[in-house]
Amino acid sequence: MPRIPRLKKRREFLSVAATRKKWVTPGLILQVRKRKKPFTSLYKNPTVRELPEGQPDIRIGFTVSKKVGNAPERNRARRRLRAIADLVLFKKARSGFDLVVIGRRETIKRPFDKLEKDLKTALWKTGVHIDAPTQNAKGGRVAK
């Protein structure tokens, strides 16, 4: 399975946070930003960055603060979040979004299946889940 493109620069993380659209679960926090341009158009030569068939047009970033613990604990939390994201996002995420997953103290000790459920719940509540209803212009939910 190919990797989902990553957010790497601080300004990318800040632009996602600026939308103030997020959902908090016991195991993680998900911040979401709808992109205006598709991912492939962000590069000068889009043919090099074409997405494989069936892969959603999303980018994802991970962050874990020092509140979570020392370096090994933060790295473990980040690895768990990457594993969950790789497992869930290919099947369940809608295209055209930038996502930031923030690790919490509970991320380290939360069972893997509950962490997976946390991400699916956050995707649903933010409207990124493929089966979630979309929002109309006034912010109310409507069926697809």
Protein backbone atom coordinates (compact mmCIF):
# COMPACT_ATOMS: atom_id res chain seq x y z
CA MET A 1 0.00 0.00 0.00
CA PRO A 2 1.51 3.40 -0.94
CA ARG A 3 2.10 6.03 1.75
CA ILE A 4 -0.21 8.97 2.17
CA PRO A 5 1.65 12.24 1.44
CA ARG A 6 2.79 14.03 4.60
CA LEU A 7 2.52 17.59 5.83
CA LYS A 8 6.06 18.59 6.77
CA LYS A 9 6.24 22.36 7.05
CA ARG A 10 5.12 24.43 10.01
CA ARG A 11 2.98 26.69 7.82
CA GLU A 12 1.05 23.64 6.56
CA PHE A 13 0.27 22.59 10.15
CA LEU A 14 -0.71 26.16 11.06
CA SER A 15 -3.03 26.48 8.07
CA VAL A 16 -4.87 23.34 9.18
CA ALA A 17 -5.07 24.59 12.78
CA ALA A 18 -6.34 28.00 11.61
CA THR A 19 -9.59 26.47 10.35
CA ARG A 20 -10.39 25.53 13.98
CA LYS A 21 -12.23 22.43 12.74
CA LYS A 22 -11.27 19.54 14.98
CA TRP A 23 -12.57 16.61 16.96
CA VAL A 24 -11.13 15.38 20.26
CA THR A 25 -11.23 11.73 21.29
CA PRO A 26 -9.53 10.01 24.26
CA GLY A 27 -6.71 8.69 22.06
CA LEU A 28 -6.10 11.54 19.60
CA ILE A 29 -7.12 14.93 18.26
CA LEU A 30 -7.91 15.33 14.55
CA GLN A 31 -7.71 18.74 12.86
CA VAL A 32 -9.12 19.11 9.35
CA ARG A 33 -8.80 21.57 6.46
CA LYS A 34 -10.58 21.31 3.11
CA ARG A 35 -8.20 22.13 0.26
CA LYS A 36 -9.24 24.25 -2.69
CA LYS A 37 -6.69 22.76 -5.10
CA PRO A 38 -6.06 19.05 -5.62
CA PHE A 39 -2.79 17.65 -4.29
CA THR A 40 -1.36 16.94 -7.74
CA SER A 41 -1.66 20.59 -8.78
CA LEU A 42 0.58 21.70 -5.91
CA TYR A 43 3.64 20.53 -7.82
CA LYS A 44 5.21 21.93 -10.99
CA ASN A 45 5.21 18.54 -12.69
CA PRO A 46 1.95 16.85 -11.65
CA THR A 47 2.62 13.70 -13.69
CA VAL A 48 5.42 12.80 -11.26
CA ARG A 49 3.07 13.10 -8.26
CA GLU A 50 -0.02 11.38 -9.66
CA LEU A 51 -1.93 9.39 -7.11
CA PRO A 52 -2.29 5.62 -7.49
CA GLU A 53 -5.74 4.32 -8.40
CA GLY A 54 -8.12 4.33 -5.46
CA GLN A 55 -5.92 6.45 -3.18
CA PRO A 56 -7.72 9.44 -1.66
CA ASP A 57 -6.34 12.91 -2.40
CA ILE A 58 -5.37 13.72 1.18
CA ARG A 59 -2.27 14.79 3.07
CA ILE A 60 -1.60 14.06 6.72
CA GLY A 61 0.69 15.35 9.43
CA PHE A 62 1.45 13.98 12.89
CA THR A 63 2.47 15.85 16.01
CA VAL A 64 3.04 14.82 19.60
CA SER A 65 4.04 17.40 22.23
CA LYS A 66 6.36 17.02 25.20
CA LYS A 67 3.29 16.81 27.44
CA VAL A 68 2.92 13.22 26.22
CA GLY A 69 6.29 12.15 27.60
CA ASN A 70 9.96 11.82 26.84
CA ALA A 71 11.35 11.18 23.33
CA PRO A 72 10.83 7.38 23.25
CA GLU A 73 7.23 7.77 24.42
CA ARG A 74 6.53 10.50 21.84
CA ASN A 75 8.06 8.38 19.08
CA ARG A 76 5.94 5.39 20.13
CA ALA A 77 2.80 7.54 20.08
CA ARG A 78 3.70 8.85 16.61
CA ARG A 79 4.35 5.32 15.28
CA ARG A 80 0.99 4.14 16.61
CA LEU A 81 -0.80 7.10 15.00
CA ARG A 82 0.92 6.45 11.65
CA ALA A 83 -0.06 2.78 11.77
CA ILE A 84 -3.70 3.64 12.52
CA ALA A 85 -3.79 6.32 9.80
CA ASP A 86 -2.32 3.97 7.17
CA LEU A 87 -4.88 1.35 8.14
CA VAL A 88 -7.96 3.61 8.16
CA LEU A 89 -7.47 6.50 5.74
CA PHE A 90 -7.16 4.52 2.48
CA LYS A 91 -10.59 2.98 3.04
CA LYS A 92 -12.48 5.66 4.96
CA ALA A 93 -11.21 9.17 4.06
CA ARG A 94 -12.83 11.53 1.58
CA SER A 95 -10.52 13.26 -0.93
CA GLY A 96 -9.46 16.90 -0.85
CA PHE A 97 -8.46 17.32 2.80
CA ASP A 98 -5.37 18.08 4.86
CA LEU A 99 -5.39 16.31 8.22
CA VAL A 100 -3.29 16.78 11.36
CA VAL A 101 -3.37 14.02 13.97
CA ILE A 102 -2.24 15.11 17.42
CA GLY A 103 -1.14 12.49 19.91
CA ARG A 104 -2.30 12.58 23.52
CA ARG A 105 -0.95 10.94 26.66
CA GLU A 106 -3.59 8.22 26.27
CA THR A 107 -2.31 7.39 22.75
CA ILE A 108 0.54 5.33 24.18
CA LYS A 109 -1.52 2.98 26.35
CA ARG A 110 -4.86 2.96 24.51
CA PRO A 111 -5.66 -0.43 22.90
CA PHE A 112 -5.10 -0.47 19.14
CA ASP A 113 -8.74 -1.25 18.28
CA LYS A 114 -9.98 1.66 20.41
CA LEU A 115 -7.43 3.98 18.82
CA GLU A 116 -8.69 2.89 15.40
CA LYS A 117 -12.27 3.60 16.51
CA ASP A 118 -11.18 7.03 17.77
CA LEU A 119 -9.82 7.95 14.32
CA LYS A 120 -12.93 6.69 12.54
CA THR A 121 -15.14 8.66 14.95
CA ALA A 122 -13.09 11.82 14.43
CA LEU A 123 -13.28 11.38 10.63
CA TRP A 124 -17.05 10.99 10.86
CA LYS A 125 -17.58 13.97 13.16
CA THR A 126 -15.43 16.28 11.02
CA GLY A 127 -17.14 15.19 7.79
CA VAL A 128 -14.05 13.56 6.26
CA HIS A 129 -15.36 9.99 6.54
CA ILE A 130 -16.49 8.67 3.16
CA ASP A 131 -19.95 7.73 4.48
CA ALA A 132 -20.46 10.89 6.57
CA PRO A 133 -23.03 13.44 5.43
CA THR A 134 -21.57 16.58 3.88
CA GLN A 135 -22.34 20.11 5.08
CA ASN A 136 -24.29 22.75 3.20
CA ALA A 137 -23.22 26.40 2.83
CA LYS A 138 -24.85 27.43 6.12
CA GLY A 139 -23.01 24.74 8.06
CA GLY A 140 -25.98 22.39 8.49
CA ARG A 141 -25.62 18.73 7.64
CA VAL A 142 -27.30 17.31 4.56
CA ALA A 143 -27.32 13.84 3.08
CA LYS A 144 -25.01 13.08 0.14
